[in-house]
């Protein structure tokens, strides 16, 4: 009899322990505790739900952030950004489509293969741009010369000038002779990439990344989904600044993104800022790089205060961390 009573007491104690564990150490328990605190006007000690997913929803991946007191990363200069964009666009071309750039490199004494080299490609591309700057002062016309060649680019530039228009990439491409379609696409890609490399950061550099770009187990839905931006851990009400000049295309609120801003920077580049507590700009407004546009929050489908920052090129989300400058940029190194 005593044995059965002791066993029952032990089972009851273990059950209580399981309930306590569920209450204090699982996302479901945290949700119940927070809801109870809200209903009774109290305070909850439950951690934010993202804390139960190792900061990045169970992937175990950590993104290093700058320690307090570390000098901020030096931003890319316009020349460096354009050089990196040109280098990456060249890497995506077929050998035949690279021929004009390779011929220009040979003419300048730059090894053509160095344009594709990971370590020296940006520096080589920068030399091409510097050699063309006097004859093709605008980025659009200079990229046309890199990817189509000097003679076709000069012809297109003169035709656009005769029409009295600005040498935009679209207008230049219409004036190129047939057969340069790949050059036009490559120039547009290089311009978009250069714009992305030239972006600032919406919050202080030392702000921790709580969830990086990529596939993850969604902390609310519980399914594997692509996380289309990076989550930056901030106190609610923190300042959010626009990363480049642009036009506000969306300033609204929905159940998923909360209070959200989408900024169009031109050249196929847009950025989004989600889960804000307050929006400080309106749709259609022009904004300048570094301007205060919102205050971070916890609105929409969010498990804690943070900013979801998203970068899109040609309407496709990309990892914004891939476009952050390295501490020692190499676009100005000497190519041998």
Protein backbone atom coordinates (compact mmCIF):
# COMPACT_ATOMS: atom_id res chain seq x y z
CA UNK A 1 0.00 0.00 0.00
CA UNK A 2 2.80 2.36 0.99
CA UNK A 3 4.66 1.49 -2.21
CA UNK A 4 1.64 2.37 -4.35
CA UNK A 5 1.17 5.66 -2.47
CA UNK A 6 4.86 6.51 -2.82
CA UNK A 7 4.77 5.72 -6.52
CA UNK A 8 1.66 7.85 -6.96
CA UNK A 9 3.30 10.75 -5.13
CA UNK A 10 6.40 10.38 -7.31
CA UNK A 11 4.30 10.36 -10.50
CA UNK A 12 2.41 13.41 -9.30
CA UNK A 13 5.67 15.23 -8.52
CA UNK A 14 7.11 14.38 -11.94
CA UNK A 15 3.94 15.61 -13.61
CA UNK A 16 4.22 18.91 -11.73
CA UNK A 17 7.86 19.16 -12.78
CA UNK A 18 6.89 18.61 -16.43
CA UNK A 19 4.22 21.28 -16.19
CA UNK A 20 6.67 23.70 -14.60
CA UNK A 21 9.23 22.98 -17.34
CA UNK A 22 6.63 23.56 -20.05
CA UNK A 23 5.50 26.75 -18.31
CA UNK A 24 8.99 28.25 -17.97
CA UNK A 25 11.16 26.73 -20.69
CA UNK A 26 9.14 26.37 -23.90
CA UNK A 27 7.76 28.89 -26.43
CA UNK A 28 4.20 27.76 -25.66
CA UNK A 29 4.72 28.34 -21.95
CA UNK A 30 6.23 31.76 -22.60
CA UNK A 31 3.24 32.67 -24.74
CA UNK A 32 0.82 31.62 -21.96
CA UNK A 33 2.81 33.51 -19.32
CA UNK A 34 2.88 36.68 -21.41
CA UNK A 35 -0.84 36.40 -22.16
CA UNK A 36 -1.63 35.87 -18.46
CA UNK A 37 0.47 38.87 -17.47
CA UNK A 38 -1.31 41.02 -20.04
CA UNK A 39 -4.78 39.81 -18.96
CA UNK A 40 -4.16 40.49 -15.25
CA UNK A 41 -2.13 43.65 -15.70
CA UNK A 42 1.06 42.10 -14.34
CA UNK A 43 4.59 41.64 -15.64
CA UNK A 44 6.05 38.53 -17.24
CA UNK A 45 9.57 37.15 -16.87
CA UNK A 46 9.21 35.10 -20.06
CA UNK A 47 11.95 35.59 -22.61
CA UNK A 48 11.08 36.83 -26.11
CA UNK A 49 10.06 33.85 -28.22
CA UNK A 50 13.08 34.17 -30.52
CA UNK A 51 15.29 33.37 -27.52
CA UNK A 52 13.93 29.81 -27.60
CA UNK A 53 15.29 29.34 -31.11
CA UNK A 54 18.95 30.05 -30.42
CA UNK A 55 18.61 33.54 -31.80
CA UNK A 56 18.09 32.31 -35.36
CA UNK A 57 15.20 29.89 -35.08
CA UNK A 58 17.13 26.74 -34.30
CA UNK A 59 19.76 26.95 -37.02
CA UNK A 60 22.61 27.45 -34.56
CA UNK A 61 24.18 29.98 -36.96
CA UNK A 62 25.57 33.12 -35.41
CA UNK A 63 26.39 36.34 -37.23
CA UNK A 64 29.23 38.28 -35.65
CA UNK A 65 28.53 41.89 -34.77
CA UNK A 66 30.90 44.68 -33.89
CA UNK A 67 31.83 44.92 -30.23
CA UNK A 68 30.99 48.16 -28.43
CA UNK A 69 33.67 50.75 -29.07
CA UNK A 70 34.79 49.19 -32.36
CA UNK A 71 35.20 51.81 -35.11
CA UNK A 72 32.43 51.54 -37.73
CA UNK A 73 33.11 49.88 -41.05
CA UNK A 74 34.29 52.29 -43.72
CA UNK A 75 31.51 52.55 -46.32
CA UNK A 76 32.25 51.76 -49.94
CA UNK A 77 33.07 54.79 -52.04
CA UNK A 78 31.10 55.23 -55.26
CA UNK A 79 34.14 54.11 -57.25
CA UNK A 80 34.58 50.96 -55.14
CA UNK A 81 30.89 50.09 -55.35
CA UNK A 82 30.91 50.45 -59.14
CA UNK A 83 34.08 48.36 -59.38
CA UNK A 84 32.62 45.51 -57.33
CA UNK A 85 29.39 45.61 -59.34
CA UNK A 86 31.31 45.45 -62.62
CA UNK A 87 33.48 42.57 -61.42
CA UNK A 88 30.49 40.48 -60.34
CA UNK A 89 28.53 41.21 -63.53
CA UNK A 90 31.52 40.12 -65.63
CA UNK A 91 31.73 36.84 -63.72
CA UNK A 92 28.14 36.06 -64.74
CA UNK A 93 28.75 36.50 -68.49
CA UNK A 94 29.64 33.92 -71.10
CA UNK A 95 33.20 34.03 -72.52
CA UNK A 96 31.92 35.62 -75.74
CA UNK A 97 30.06 38.36 -73.88
CA UNK A 98 33.20 39.21 -71.88
CA UNK A 99 35.22 39.89 -75.05
CA UNK A 100 34.86 43.72 -75.12
CA UNK A 101 35.94 44.06 -71.48
CA UNK A 102 38.83 41.65 -72.00
CA UNK A 103 39.96 43.57 -75.10
CA UNK A 104 39.89 46.82 -73.14
CA UNK A 105 41.88 45.21 -70.34
CA UNK A 106 44.54 44.00 -72.82
CA UNK A 107 44.77 47.51 -74.24
CA UNK A 108 45.37 48.95 -70.77
CA UNK A 109 47.90 46.31 -69.73
CA UNK A 110 45.53 44.73 -67.22
CA UNK A 111 45.53 40.90 -67.27
CA UNK A 112 42.00 40.00 -68.51
CA UNK A 113 41.77 37.01 -66.18
CA UNK A 114 42.26 39.35 -63.21
CA UNK A 115 38.81 40.84 -63.90
CA UNK A 116 37.30 37.56 -62.75
CA UNK A 117 39.67 36.95 -59.85
CA UNK A 118 38.03 37.14 -56.43
CA UNK A 119 40.91 39.04 -54.86
CA UNK A 120 41.86 41.35 -57.75
CA UNK A 121 38.68 41.59 -59.82
CA UNK A 122 37.35 44.80 -58.29
CA UNK A 123 40.71 46.56 -58.57
CA UNK A 124 41.00 45.55 -62.22
CA UNK A 125 37.48 46.74 -62.96
CA UNK A 126 38.27 50.04 -61.27
CA UNK A 127 41.22 50.57 -63.61
CA UNK A 128 38.91 50.13 -66.58
CA UNK A 129 36.53 52.75 -65.21
CA UNK A 130 39.36 55.19 -64.50
CA UNK A 131 40.67 54.83 -68.06
CA UNK A 132 37.21 55.53 -69.52
CA UNK A 133 36.20 58.36 -67.18
CA UNK A 134 37.30 61.24 -69.42
CA UNK A 135 35.40 60.02 -72.47
CA UNK A 136 32.44 58.50 -70.60
CA UNK A 137 31.88 60.57 -67.42
CA UNK A 138 28.51 59.04 -66.40
CA UNK A 139 28.32 55.60 -64.80
CA UNK A 140 25.74 54.44 -67.38
CA UNK A 141 27.82 55.38 -70.42
CA UNK A 142 31.04 54.05 -68.87
CA UNK A 143 29.43 50.68 -68.11
CA UNK A 144 28.17 50.57 -71.69
CA UNK A 145 31.75 51.06 -72.88
CA UNK A 146 33.03 48.32 -70.57
CA UNK A 147 30.51 45.71 -71.69
CA UNK A 148 29.94 46.75 -75.34
CA UNK A 149 33.26 48.37 -76.23
CA UNK A 150 34.38 51.94 -76.74
CA UNK A 151 33.23 52.37 -80.35
CA UNK A 152 29.62 51.10 -79.93
CA UNK A 153 29.30 53.04 -76.66
CA UNK A 154 30.59 56.26 -78.28
CA UNK A 155 28.12 55.82 -81.14
CA UNK A 156 25.21 55.31 -78.73
CA UNK A 157 26.29 58.28 -76.59
CA UNK A 158 26.46 60.61 -79.62
CA UNK A 159 23.01 59.51 -80.79
CA UNK A 160 21.49 60.16 -77.35
CA UNK A 161 23.21 63.56 -77.18
CA UNK A 162 21.83 64.45 -80.63
CA UNK A 163 18.33 63.72 -79.33
CA UNK A 164 18.94 66.08 -76.43
CA UNK A 165 18.42 63.48 -73.72
CA UNK A 166 20.32 62.31 -70.70
CA UNK A 167 22.48 59.21 -71.27
CA UNK A 168 20.45 56.76 -69.20
CA UNK A 169 21.18 53.08 -69.62
CA UNK A 170 17.79 52.53 -71.24
CA UNK A 171 18.35 55.23 -73.85
CA UNK A 172 21.90 54.10 -74.55
CA UNK A 173 20.79 50.49 -75.02
CA UNK A 174 18.24 51.55 -77.64
CA UNK A 175 21.00 53.21 -79.67
CA UNK A 176 23.43 50.29 -79.62
CA UNK A 177 23.73 48.28 -82.83
CA UNK A 178 22.07 44.81 -82.89
CA UNK A 179 23.92 42.04 -81.09
CA UNK A 180 24.72 43.89 -77.86
CA UNK A 181 21.78 42.64 -75.81
CA UNK A 182 24.05 40.79 -73.37
CA UNK A 183 26.07 43.96 -72.83
CA UNK A 184 22.94 45.90 -71.95
CA UNK A 185 21.80 43.28 -69.43
CA UNK A 186 25.28 43.08 -67.87
CA UNK A 187 25.50 46.86 -67.55
CA UNK A 188 22.10 46.93 -65.81
CA UNK A 189 23.21 44.19 -63.41
CA UNK A 190 26.46 46.00 -62.64
CA UNK A 191 24.55 49.22 -61.95
CA UNK A 192 22.12 47.46 -59.57
CA UNK A 193 24.97 45.70 -57.76
CA UNK A 194 26.91 48.95 -57.46
CA UNK A 195 23.86 50.63 -55.96
CA UNK A 196 23.50 47.79 -53.43
CA UNK A 197 27.19 47.97 -52.49
CA UNK A 198 26.83 51.69 -51.92
CA UNK A 199 24.01 51.40 -49.37
CA UNK A 200 24.49 52.52 -45.78
CA UNK A 201 23.10 50.59 -42.78
CA UNK A 202 19.73 51.50 -41.21
CA UNK A 203 20.87 51.20 -37.58
CA UNK A 204 24.19 51.48 -35.68
CA UNK A 205 26.84 49.07 -36.97
CA UNK A 206 27.16 47.28 -33.62
CA UNK A 207 23.47 46.25 -33.60
CA UNK A 208 23.28 42.43 -33.22
CA UNK A 209 21.75 40.31 -35.99
CA UNK A 210 19.23 38.06 -34.25
CA UNK A 211 18.21 36.16 -37.39
CA UNK A 212 20.15 36.20 -40.69
CA UNK A 213 18.96 35.84 -44.28
CA UNK A 214 18.17 32.30 -45.44
CA UNK A 215 15.95 29.31 -44.78
CA UNK A 216 14.93 28.78 -41.17
CA UNK A 217 12.24 27.24 -39.01
CA UNK A 218 9.76 30.09 -38.70
CA UNK A 219 9.47 31.07 -35.01
CA UNK A 220 5.70 31.63 -35.24
CA UNK A 221 4.44 29.35 -38.02
CA UNK A 222 6.73 26.44 -37.16
CA UNK A 223 7.50 25.64 -40.83
CA UNK A 224 10.71 25.97 -42.82
CA UNK A 225 10.59 29.21 -44.81
CA UNK A 226 12.98 31.62 -46.49
CA UNK A 227 13.75 34.54 -44.23
CA UNK A 228 13.99 37.27 -46.85
CA UNK A 229 15.97 39.78 -44.81
CA UNK A 230 17.92 40.16 -41.58
CA UNK A 231 16.46 40.82 -38.13
CA UNK A 232 18.30 43.49 -36.19
CA UNK A 233 17.80 43.40 -32.43
CA UNK A 234 16.73 46.84 -31.18
CA UNK A 235 14.84 48.39 -28.29
CA UNK A 236 11.36 49.49 -29.26
CA UNK A 237 11.42 53.08 -30.44
CA UNK A 238 15.00 53.00 -31.76
CA UNK A 239 15.80 55.24 -34.72
CA UNK A 240 15.77 53.71 -38.22
CA UNK A 241 17.49 55.60 -41.04
CA UNK A 242 17.12 55.14 -44.78
CA UNK A 243 20.20 53.58 -46.40
CA UNK A 244 20.24 55.70 -49.59
CA UNK A 245 18.34 58.39 -51.44
CA UNK A 246 15.00 57.17 -52.74
CA UNK A 247 11.23 57.45 -52.95
CA UNK A 248 8.81 55.90 -50.45
CA UNK A 249 6.73 53.38 -52.39
CA UNK A 250 4.84 51.99 -49.40
CA UNK A 251 4.07 53.32 -45.94
CA UNK A 252 1.35 51.19 -44.39
CA UNK A 253 0.54 48.43 -41.91
CA UNK A 254 -0.51 44.80 -42.26
CA UNK A 255 -0.83 41.73 -40.03
CA UNK A 256 2.49 40.19 -41.16
CA UNK A 257 4.94 43.07 -41.63
CA UNK A 258 3.39 45.41 -39.09
CA UNK A 259 4.14 49.04 -39.83
CA UNK A 260 6.27 48.79 -42.96
CA UNK A 261 8.17 51.09 -45.30
CA UNK A 262 9.43 50.22 -48.79
CA UNK A 263 11.92 52.60 -50.39
CA UNK A 264 12.77 52.60 -54.12
CA UNK A 265 16.39 53.64 -54.72
CA UNK A 266 16.27 53.30 -58.49
CA UNK A 267 18.35 51.01 -60.71
CA UNK A 268 16.20 48.05 -59.62
CA UNK A 269 17.08 48.36 -55.92
CA UNK A 270 14.53 48.58 -53.09
CA UNK A 271 14.78 48.25 -49.31
CA UNK A 272 12.09 47.37 -46.76
CA UNK A 273 11.83 48.17 -43.05
CA UNK A 274 9.27 46.08 -41.11
CA UNK A 275 7.69 45.80 -37.62
CA UNK A 276 8.11 49.51 -36.81
CA UNK A 277 6.26 51.21 -33.97
CA UNK A 278 6.01 54.50 -35.86
CA UNK A 279 6.39 55.60 -39.50
CA UNK A 280 7.81 59.10 -40.00
CA UNK A 281 7.51 59.41 -43.80
CA UNK A 282 4.61 58.98 -46.21
CA UNK A 283 4.06 57.28 -49.55
CA UNK A 284 5.50 59.25 -52.47
CA UNK A 285 7.90 61.25 -50.30
CA UNK A 286 11.52 61.63 -51.41
CA UNK A 287 14.04 60.75 -48.71
CA UNK A 288 17.76 61.42 -48.42
CA UNK A 289 20.42 58.96 -47.31
CA UNK A 290 20.64 58.85 -43.52
CA UNK A 291 17.24 60.49 -42.97
CA UNK A 292 15.20 59.28 -39.98
CA UNK A 293 12.25 57.37 -41.47
CA UNK A 294 10.79 55.29 -38.62
CA UNK A 295 11.13 53.99 -35.10
CA UNK A 296 11.57 50.27 -34.56
CA UNK A 297 8.93 48.21 -32.81
CA UNK A 298 7.17 44.89 -32.44
CA UNK A 299 4.17 45.21 -34.78
CA UNK A 300 2.80 42.55 -37.11
CA UNK A 301 3.89 38.91 -36.93
CA UNK A 302 6.78 39.49 -34.56
CA UNK A 303 8.05 37.72 -31.46
CA UNK A 304 9.97 40.61 -29.96
CA UNK A 305 11.21 44.14 -30.65
CA UNK A 306 13.42 44.23 -33.76
CA UNK A 307 13.80 45.65 -37.26
CA UNK A 308 13.40 43.34 -40.24
CA UNK A 309 15.58 44.93 -42.93
CA UNK A 310 15.22 43.62 -46.48
CA UNK A 311 17.13 44.31 -49.69
CA UNK A 312 15.78 43.42 -53.15
CA UNK A 313 17.50 43.53 -56.53
CA UNK A 314 15.15 43.33 -59.52
CA UNK A 315 12.33 42.32 -57.14
CA UNK A 316 14.37 39.39 -55.74
CA UNK A 317 15.39 39.37 -52.05
CA UNK A 318 19.13 39.06 -51.45
CA UNK A 319 21.24 38.87 -48.31
CA UNK A 320 22.07 42.48 -47.35
CA UNK A 321 25.08 41.31 -45.33
CA UNK A 322 26.75 40.21 -48.59
CA UNK A 323 26.88 43.86 -49.63
CA UNK A 324 28.49 45.19 -46.47
CA UNK A 325 32.04 46.54 -46.88
CA UNK A 326 34.93 44.54 -45.59
CA UNK A 327 37.15 46.34 -43.11
CA UNK A 328 39.89 46.67 -45.72
CA UNK A 329 38.35 47.24 -49.13
CA UNK A 330 40.50 45.94 -52.00
CA UNK A 331 39.06 47.92 -54.88
CA UNK A 332 42.00 50.32 -54.78
CA UNK A 333 44.82 47.80 -54.52
CA UNK A 334 47.47 47.56 -57.23
CA UNK A 335 46.90 44.88 -59.86
CA UNK A 336 50.00 43.10 -61.00
